[in-house]
Each structure stands twice: as C-alpha cells, then as structure tokens.
Amino acid sequence: MSEPRKSLGLGALVLLPLACCAALPLILAAGLSAALLAWVGGLAAGVIALGVVVALPVVRARGVDRLPSRSPRQGGALLDR
C-alpha cells in the first residue's frame, strides 16, 4: 500500500502565491468600495441632517405667521355656540 503524502507538492507551493496575488486585488477593491460606500453614506446622512436643521426653523416661522389667531376677544369657533 502507498502511504499518504504529508508534504506539499511543488505544484501546490507554486499555486499558493498565485492564488494570494490574484485574490489580493479583489480584497483591496472590496475594502476600498466598502470604505467609499461608508464615506458617501455618511456624507449623504450629513447633508440630509443639515437640510432638516435648516428647513425646520423656516417651516416653523412660516407656519406661525399663517395660523389664524383664536383668542376669545376675536370670537371664533368656541364662542359661536
């Protein structure tokens, strides 16, 4: 019977650096794209938050000016009964 080989063959030893070198650009590209995606996502979230911070006081200021006054002196729905 033949014994199982316990050492790596020359072919496997040659293929190991090739596999690593072929996978390294893929790993780097995935890492860069994930970092870029996180950076762009953070930038978009910041722009949205800034838009809300700027728009909220403007909307509130316009809303207060347009609301009709309902004081008891001017009458209104409460005194019409």
N, C-alpha and C. Protein backbone atom coordinates (compact mmCIF):
# COMPACT_ATOMS: atom_id res chain seq x y z
N MET A 1 0.83 -1.18 0.00
CA MET A 1 0.00 0.00 0.00
C MET A 1 0.87 1.24 0.00
N SER A 2 0.34 2.27 -0.57
CA SER A 2 1.10 3.51 -0.59
C SER A 2 0.70 4.39 0.59
N GLU A 3 1.68 5.06 1.12
CA GLU A 3 1.42 5.94 2.26
C GLU A 3 0.91 7.29 1.76
N PRO A 4 0.02 7.93 2.53
CA PRO A 4 -0.42 9.27 2.12
C PRO A 4 0.73 10.27 2.24
N ARG A 5 0.77 11.20 1.31
CA ARG A 5 1.84 12.19 1.32
C ARG A 5 1.56 13.24 2.38
N LYS A 6 2.55 13.55 3.17
CA LYS A 6 2.39 14.52 4.23
C LYS A 6 2.99 15.87 3.88
N SER A 7 3.71 15.97 2.82
CA SER A 7 4.32 17.25 2.46
C SER A 7 3.60 17.84 1.25
N LEU A 8 3.69 19.14 1.14
CA LEU A 8 3.10 19.81 -0.01
C LEU A 8 3.93 19.53 -1.24
N GLY A 9 3.27 19.37 -2.33
CA GLY A 9 4.00 19.17 -3.56
C GLY A 9 4.49 20.49 -4.12
N LEU A 10 5.33 20.40 -5.09
CA LEU A 10 5.88 21.60 -5.71
C LEU A 10 4.80 22.40 -6.42
N GLY A 11 3.81 21.74 -6.98
CA GLY A 11 2.71 22.42 -7.68
C GLY A 11 1.87 23.24 -6.72
N ALA A 12 1.57 22.68 -5.57
CA ALA A 12 0.78 23.42 -4.57
C ALA A 12 1.57 24.62 -4.04
N LEU A 13 2.86 24.44 -3.90
CA LEU A 13 3.71 25.52 -3.42
C LEU A 13 3.77 26.67 -4.44
N VAL A 14 3.72 26.35 -5.71
CA VAL A 14 3.73 27.37 -6.75
C VAL A 14 2.37 28.05 -6.85
N LEU A 15 1.29 27.31 -6.67
CA LEU A 15 -0.04 27.87 -6.80
C LEU A 15 -0.43 28.78 -5.63
N LEU A 16 0.17 28.60 -4.48
CA LEU A 16 -0.17 29.40 -3.31
C LEU A 16 0.09 30.89 -3.52
N PRO A 17 1.26 31.33 -3.97
CA PRO A 17 1.46 32.76 -4.21
C PRO A 17 0.58 33.30 -5.32
N LEU A 18 0.31 32.49 -6.35
CA LEU A 18 -0.57 32.94 -7.42
C LEU A 18 -1.98 33.18 -6.92
N ALA A 19 -2.47 32.30 -6.07
CA ALA A 19 -3.81 32.46 -5.52
C ALA A 19 -3.88 33.70 -4.63
N CYS A 20 -2.85 33.90 -3.85
CA CYS A 20 -2.84 35.08 -2.97
C CYS A 20 -2.75 36.37 -3.79
N CYS A 21 -1.92 36.37 -4.80
CA CYS A 21 -1.77 37.58 -5.61
C CYS A 21 -3.01 37.86 -6.44
N ALA A 22 -3.72 36.83 -6.83
CA ALA A 22 -4.95 37.04 -7.59
C ALA A 22 -6.06 37.52 -6.67
N ALA A 23 -6.08 37.06 -5.44
CA ALA A 23 -7.14 37.44 -4.51
C ALA A 23 -6.87 38.79 -3.86
N LEU A 24 -5.63 39.20 -3.77
CA LEU A 24 -5.30 40.45 -3.08
C LEU A 24 -5.96 41.68 -3.73
N PRO A 25 -5.92 41.84 -5.04
CA PRO A 25 -6.64 43.00 -5.62
C PRO A 25 -8.14 42.95 -5.39
N LEU A 26 -8.71 41.76 -5.37
CA LEU A 26 -10.14 41.65 -5.10
C LEU A 26 -10.46 42.06 -3.66
N ILE A 27 -9.62 41.64 -2.74
CA ILE A 27 -9.83 42.01 -1.33
C ILE A 27 -9.66 43.51 -1.15
N LEU A 28 -8.64 44.07 -1.78
CA LEU A 28 -8.43 45.51 -1.68
C LEU A 28 -9.58 46.29 -2.31
N ALA A 29 -10.06 45.83 -3.45
CA ALA A 29 -11.18 46.51 -4.11
C ALA A 29 -12.43 46.45 -3.24
N ALA A 30 -12.68 45.31 -2.63
CA ALA A 30 -13.84 45.19 -1.75
C ALA A 30 -13.69 46.10 -0.54
N GLY A 31 -12.50 46.18 0.00
CA GLY A 31 -12.26 47.06 1.15
C GLY A 31 -12.40 48.52 0.79
N LEU A 32 -11.87 48.90 -0.36
CA LEU A 32 -11.98 50.29 -0.79
C LEU A 32 -13.41 50.66 -1.12
N SER A 33 -14.13 49.74 -1.75
CA SER A 33 -15.52 50.06 -2.08
C SER A 33 -16.37 50.14 -0.82
N ALA A 34 -16.09 49.32 0.17
CA ALA A 34 -16.83 49.40 1.43
C ALA A 34 -16.52 50.71 2.15
N ALA A 35 -15.25 51.11 2.14
CA ALA A 35 -14.88 52.37 2.78
C ALA A 35 -15.49 53.56 2.03
N LEU A 36 -15.48 53.49 0.72
CA LEU A 36 -16.07 54.56 -0.08
C LEU A 36 -17.57 54.62 0.14
N LEU A 37 -18.21 53.47 0.21
CA LEU A 37 -19.65 53.43 0.46
C LEU A 37 -19.98 54.01 1.83
N ALA A 38 -19.19 53.70 2.84
CA ALA A 38 -19.42 54.25 4.17
C ALA A 38 -19.20 55.75 4.17
N TRP A 39 -18.18 56.23 3.47
CA TRP A 39 -17.89 57.66 3.41
C TRP A 39 -19.02 58.41 2.70
N VAL A 40 -19.47 57.88 1.58
CA VAL A 40 -20.55 58.53 0.83
C VAL A 40 -21.85 58.47 1.63
N GLY A 41 -22.11 57.37 2.29
CA GLY A 41 -23.30 57.26 3.13
C GLY A 41 -23.28 58.26 4.28
N GLY A 42 -22.14 58.43 4.90
CA GLY A 42 -22.01 59.43 5.96
C GLY A 42 -22.19 60.84 5.45
N LEU A 43 -21.65 61.09 4.28
CA LEU A 43 -21.80 62.41 3.67
C LEU A 43 -23.28 62.68 3.34
N ALA A 44 -23.96 61.70 2.80
CA ALA A 44 -25.38 61.86 2.48
C ALA A 44 -26.20 62.06 3.74
N ALA A 45 -25.91 61.32 4.79
CA ALA A 45 -26.64 61.50 6.05
C ALA A 45 -26.39 62.89 6.62
N GLY A 46 -25.17 63.38 6.50
CA GLY A 46 -24.87 64.74 6.97
C GLY A 46 -25.61 65.81 6.18
N VAL A 47 -25.70 65.62 4.88
CA VAL A 47 -26.42 66.58 4.04
C VAL A 47 -27.91 66.57 4.38
N ILE A 48 -28.47 65.40 4.60
CA ILE A 48 -29.88 65.30 4.98
C ILE A 48 -30.11 65.95 6.34
N ALA A 49 -29.24 65.68 7.29
CA ALA A 49 -29.39 66.28 8.62
C ALA A 49 -29.26 67.81 8.55
N LEU A 50 -28.34 68.30 7.77
CA LEU A 50 -28.18 69.74 7.60
C LEU A 50 -29.43 70.35 6.96
N GLY A 51 -29.99 69.67 5.98
CA GLY A 51 -31.22 70.15 5.35
C GLY A 51 -32.37 70.23 6.33
N VAL A 52 -32.48 69.24 7.21
CA VAL A 52 -33.54 69.25 8.22
C VAL A 52 -33.31 70.39 9.21
N VAL A 53 -32.08 70.58 9.63
CA VAL A 53 -31.77 71.65 10.60
C VAL A 53 -32.05 73.02 10.01
N VAL A 54 -31.80 73.19 8.72
CA VAL A 54 -32.04 74.47 8.09
C VAL A 54 -33.53 74.66 7.78
N ALA A 55 -34.20 73.60 7.34
CA ALA A 55 -35.59 73.72 6.92
C ALA A 55 -36.56 73.81 8.10
N LEU A 56 -36.27 73.20 9.21
CA LEU A 56 -37.20 73.18 10.34
C LEU A 56 -37.52 74.57 10.86
N PRO A 57 -36.55 75.44 11.13
CA PRO A 57 -36.92 76.80 11.58
C PRO A 57 -37.67 77.60 10.52
N VAL A 58 -37.35 77.38 9.25
CA VAL A 58 -38.04 78.10 8.18
C VAL A 58 -39.51 77.67 8.13
N VAL A 59 -39.76 76.39 8.21
CA VAL A 59 -41.14 75.88 8.18
C VAL A 59 -41.90 76.35 9.40
N ARG A 60 -41.28 76.33 10.56
CA ARG A 60 -41.96 76.79 11.78
C ARG A 60 -42.26 78.27 11.71
N ALA A 61 -41.33 79.07 11.21
CA ALA A 61 -41.56 80.51 11.12
C ALA A 61 -42.69 80.82 10.14
N ARG A 62 -42.76 80.15 9.05
CA ARG A 62 -43.85 80.37 8.09
C ARG A 62 -45.17 79.87 8.64
N GLY A 63 -45.14 78.78 9.38
CA GLY A 63 -46.37 78.22 9.93
C GLY A 63 -46.97 79.10 10.99
N VAL A 64 -46.17 79.75 11.82
CA VAL A 64 -46.67 80.63 12.87
C VAL A 64 -47.33 81.86 12.26
N ASP A 65 -46.79 82.40 11.20
CA ASP A 65 -47.37 83.58 10.56
C ASP A 65 -48.70 83.27 9.89
N ARG A 66 -48.89 82.08 9.43
CA ARG A 66 -50.10 81.74 8.68
C ARG A 66 -51.23 81.22 9.55
N LEU A 67 -50.97 80.89 10.80
CA LEU A 67 -52.02 80.35 11.65
C LEU A 67 -52.98 81.47 12.06
N PRO A 68 -54.28 81.23 11.97
CA PRO A 68 -55.22 82.26 12.42
C PRO A 68 -55.25 82.32 13.94
N SER A 69 -55.44 83.47 14.46
CA SER A 69 -55.47 83.66 15.90
C SER A 69 -56.84 83.26 16.42
N ARG A 70 -56.90 82.53 17.50
CA ARG A 70 -58.17 82.07 18.10
C ARG A 70 -58.29 82.59 19.53
N SER A 71 -58.19 83.87 19.70
CA SER A 71 -58.33 84.40 21.06
C SER A 71 -59.81 84.63 21.36
N PRO A 72 -60.21 84.59 22.62
CA PRO A 72 -61.62 84.80 22.99
C PRO A 72 -62.14 86.19 22.61
N ARG A 73 -61.28 87.19 22.53
CA ARG A 73 -61.71 88.55 22.19
C ARG A 73 -62.18 88.65 20.74
N GLN A 74 -61.55 87.89 19.87
CA GLN A 74 -61.89 87.95 18.45
C GLN A 74 -63.03 87.01 18.09
N GLY A 75 -63.51 86.27 19.02
CA GLY A 75 -64.53 85.29 18.70
C GLY A 75 -63.90 84.07 18.10
N GLY A 76 -64.67 83.25 17.52
CA GLY A 76 -64.14 82.04 16.90
C GLY A 76 -65.08 80.90 17.13
N ALA A 77 -64.62 79.72 16.89
CA ALA A 77 -65.47 78.54 16.95
C ALA A 77 -65.94 78.26 18.36
N LEU A 78 -65.21 78.65 19.37
CA LEU A 78 -65.60 78.36 20.75
C LEU A 78 -66.77 79.22 21.21
N LEU A 79 -66.94 80.42 20.69
CA LEU A 79 -68.00 81.32 21.15
C LEU A 79 -69.22 81.31 20.24
N ASP A 80 -69.22 80.54 19.19
CA ASP A 80 -70.32 80.54 18.24
C ASP A 80 -71.50 79.67 18.70
N ARG A 81 -71.43 79.01 19.79
CA ARG A 81 -72.48 78.09 20.20
C ARG A 81 -73.70 78.79 20.66
